[in-house]
Amino acid sequence: MTRFQAGRPVGNQDYTSSTVVIIGAGISGLCMAIDIIKRSQCRNLVILEKGSQVGGTWNDNRYPGCACDVWSTLYSFSFEQKTDWTREHPGQEEIRDYLIHVAEKYGLYKYIRFNTTVQEARWDDKELKWKVSVATSGAKEPQFHESYDITTDFLVSAVGQLNVPSFPSIPGLDDFTGKLMHSARWDWTYDFAGKRVAIIGNGATCAQIVPELAKSVSQVTVYQRTPNWVIPRYDTSVSFIQRFLLSYVPPIRWCKRALMMQAREFSHDAIAKADSAMSGYIRKIAIATMKSQVCDKPELWDKLTPEYSPGCKRLIPSDDFYPALNKKNVHLETRPIQRIAESGIETVDGDLQEYDLIVAATGFRSVEFMHPIQVYGRNGRPVSDVWKDGAAAYYGVTVEDLPNFGMLYGPNTNLGHNSIILMIEAQSRYLSTLIGEVVRAKARSDSLVLQPRPDVVAAFNDRLQEQLETSSFADPHCHSWYKLENGRITNNWPGRVVPYQKDLSRVRWEDYVVEGTGKSLVERKKTTNIGRVQEELPVRSSTLVLGALGAALAVGGYYMNGPQALLQRRR
C-alpha cells in the first residue's frame, strides 16, 4: 500500500528533484554515475537518456561495419576491464553489450530515465539549483506526462561531441523520392540487395559502410569532397588462448594494456606534428597501402591522396576500404554536387546519376556542444553567449558562468591518437570531487556553489590555442569536425593523455569562485589531491627499457610492418 504523509505519497516525492542530474547514459554518463556513487558517496542521482538503452553513440550508430578505431584492450574502463573481446578492434554490438554489462553490474538502471530528452537547463540564482526541463517519448511515459521539470544541485553534461547528426546543406535534399538516411540513424528494415546507393561523405563512417554494402548492392558511389589519409588497421580476431590468459592471468592483461597505451602515446607526434618523422612515415604508409590495394584503378591515386598533413582530419584505419574501391561496382565521384534531384544526384557539370538510396555519412554537429539543449547560467546568461567565439572550458570540464556544472568529453578533449576513455575517467574523477563537496555541504544543510574563475578559464584556453595553432589540426588545407570556419579548434586536445591526467589529478580551489554558506570549509583546503589511474608502465630503471622496447615494437608493428609487407609484395 502507498504510504501518505501530510496528504501526499512518499514513494515518488523526489521524482522532480535530485542532488545530481547526468545528461546521457553513454560511456561518459555511466562512468560519472559510478564515480558519484563510489567516490562522492551519493545515490540521489538521476540519469536522463534520450534513447531506449544505454550506450550513447554505440547505441545510436548501428550502420553496417560500425566498429571502433581504438584497440579493444584500451576500450574499457580501467576499473572494469573487458578481457574477452573477440577482435582487436571491437564492433558496435560488442561495445554496446559491454556498456550494458557495466550498467547492470553497477546497478545503474534504477537511476536511468530512458526516452527522456533534455530541452532546457536553467540556473536559479535564488534557489542555487538547476531547473532541467525534459520531454518524454515512448509508449507509456507521455501518457503520464509529456514534459516536466526536475531540479538539481549539480548538473553534468555527458552528451559528448558525437550525438546530433549533421545533414549536408545541399539544395533539393528533401526532393529526393528514394530512400534517404543518415549513417547514425540506420534503417535496417530497408532491403539493400541490388540497390543503387550513393554515399555522401568519405570519412571513417564511409570507410566502414562501403565494404559491407558492396557485398550486396548493385552499385555504390562515394561522393568525396576531400580525400583522407587511410592506414592499415590490422584487425584480427583475439584467440581463445589469449582471451583465457587475459582473463585469468592479470599481469598479462595489465602488461598488454600498458604497452598499448604507451604505443598510442608514442604515436602522438604522427597525428599532431606535421613536421615530425612519424608524420612523414604515415604518408608513406598510406600511399603504399593505397597503391597496393587500389591496383586496378590507378586513375584514382591522385584523387585519393590528400594535400594536407596527417592528423588535420581524422586518420582512418581500415583494411577493407581501399579493396572495396577497387571493386567494379564501387565508384568514386569527386565532382562537386550541384543539387539533389527527385531521382538522384546532379554534379556541377549537369551530370545526373539516379539512385535508390542516398546515405548521408556526414558526421555530427560536433562544434555545437550540447546542441540542441538551451542552457542558461548565472544571471540568465545563455551558454551561446559564453561561447560566442567558440566552445571553451577549463580542461574541458567546467565552464565560465555555469555554476555547479560539469562536462565530460567537452571542448578540447577529443583525441586523435589514443582512447577517449582514458580522458573520460580523469574528468569523471575530477568532477566527482567537486560534486562530493556539494553533497557534503547539502548534508550539513549548507549551500555551496562552485564555478571556474573567468580569468583562469581564459588563461587556460589562451595557452591551449597557442599549442593548437602549431599542430596538424590547424593545417589550413583541410576542413574538419575539429574546428570552426574561422579555424579555431574547439574539439581536440593538443597533447598526450598522461599530462592531461596529471593536470586533473588534483583540484586547486583557488581556480574556482566558491560561494554559499559552506564555502569556508572548501576555501580552507586550498588543494584536494585526487590521484590518477596510472596505466602506463612505471618509469623505473628496471622497466624503462622494457617500456620503450614494448612501445617501439607495438608501434612498429602497427605502423611499419604492414607497409613493409606491402612493398615486398609489390616487388
Foldseek 3Di string as FASTA:
>chain_A
DFDDDPHHTDPCPQVQEFAEEEEAQALLRLLLQLCLVPVLVDDRYAYEAQADAHHALLVQFDAFQAWALAFLLFPDFPVQGQLAAFKRIHHSVVSRVVSRVSCVVSVPPVRYDYNKAWAAWEADPVVQKIKTKIAGDDDPPVVVPRIDIHIYNFYEYANAQFHAADFDPFACPVLAQFAEEESSRDDPVDDQAQFAEEEEDDDQSVLRNLLVSLVGYQAYEYADAAAAQEAASPMDTDDPVSSVCVVPVVVVSLVVSQLSQLLLQVCLCLQWAQPDPNQVLSLVRRLLLLCLQLVQCPVCSVRNRGPATHNLAAYHHDDCSSNSCNDPRYHYHHADWNHAHHAATAGPVGDGDGTNYYYYHPTRLRQPPPPPYWYAFPPRHTVCVQQVVGDFADLQFFGPRHKSYTYALGWAQDDRRHDSSLVSSLSSLLSSVVSSLQVVCVVVVKHKIKHFDPVNRVVRVVVQQVLNCNISNQTPRDDYSQDDPVSGGTRHHNHRSVVSSVVSQKDQRVRIDMDIPPRVVVVVVRMGGRHGDDSHDDPDPVCVVVSVVSSCVVNCVRSPPVSVVSVVVVD
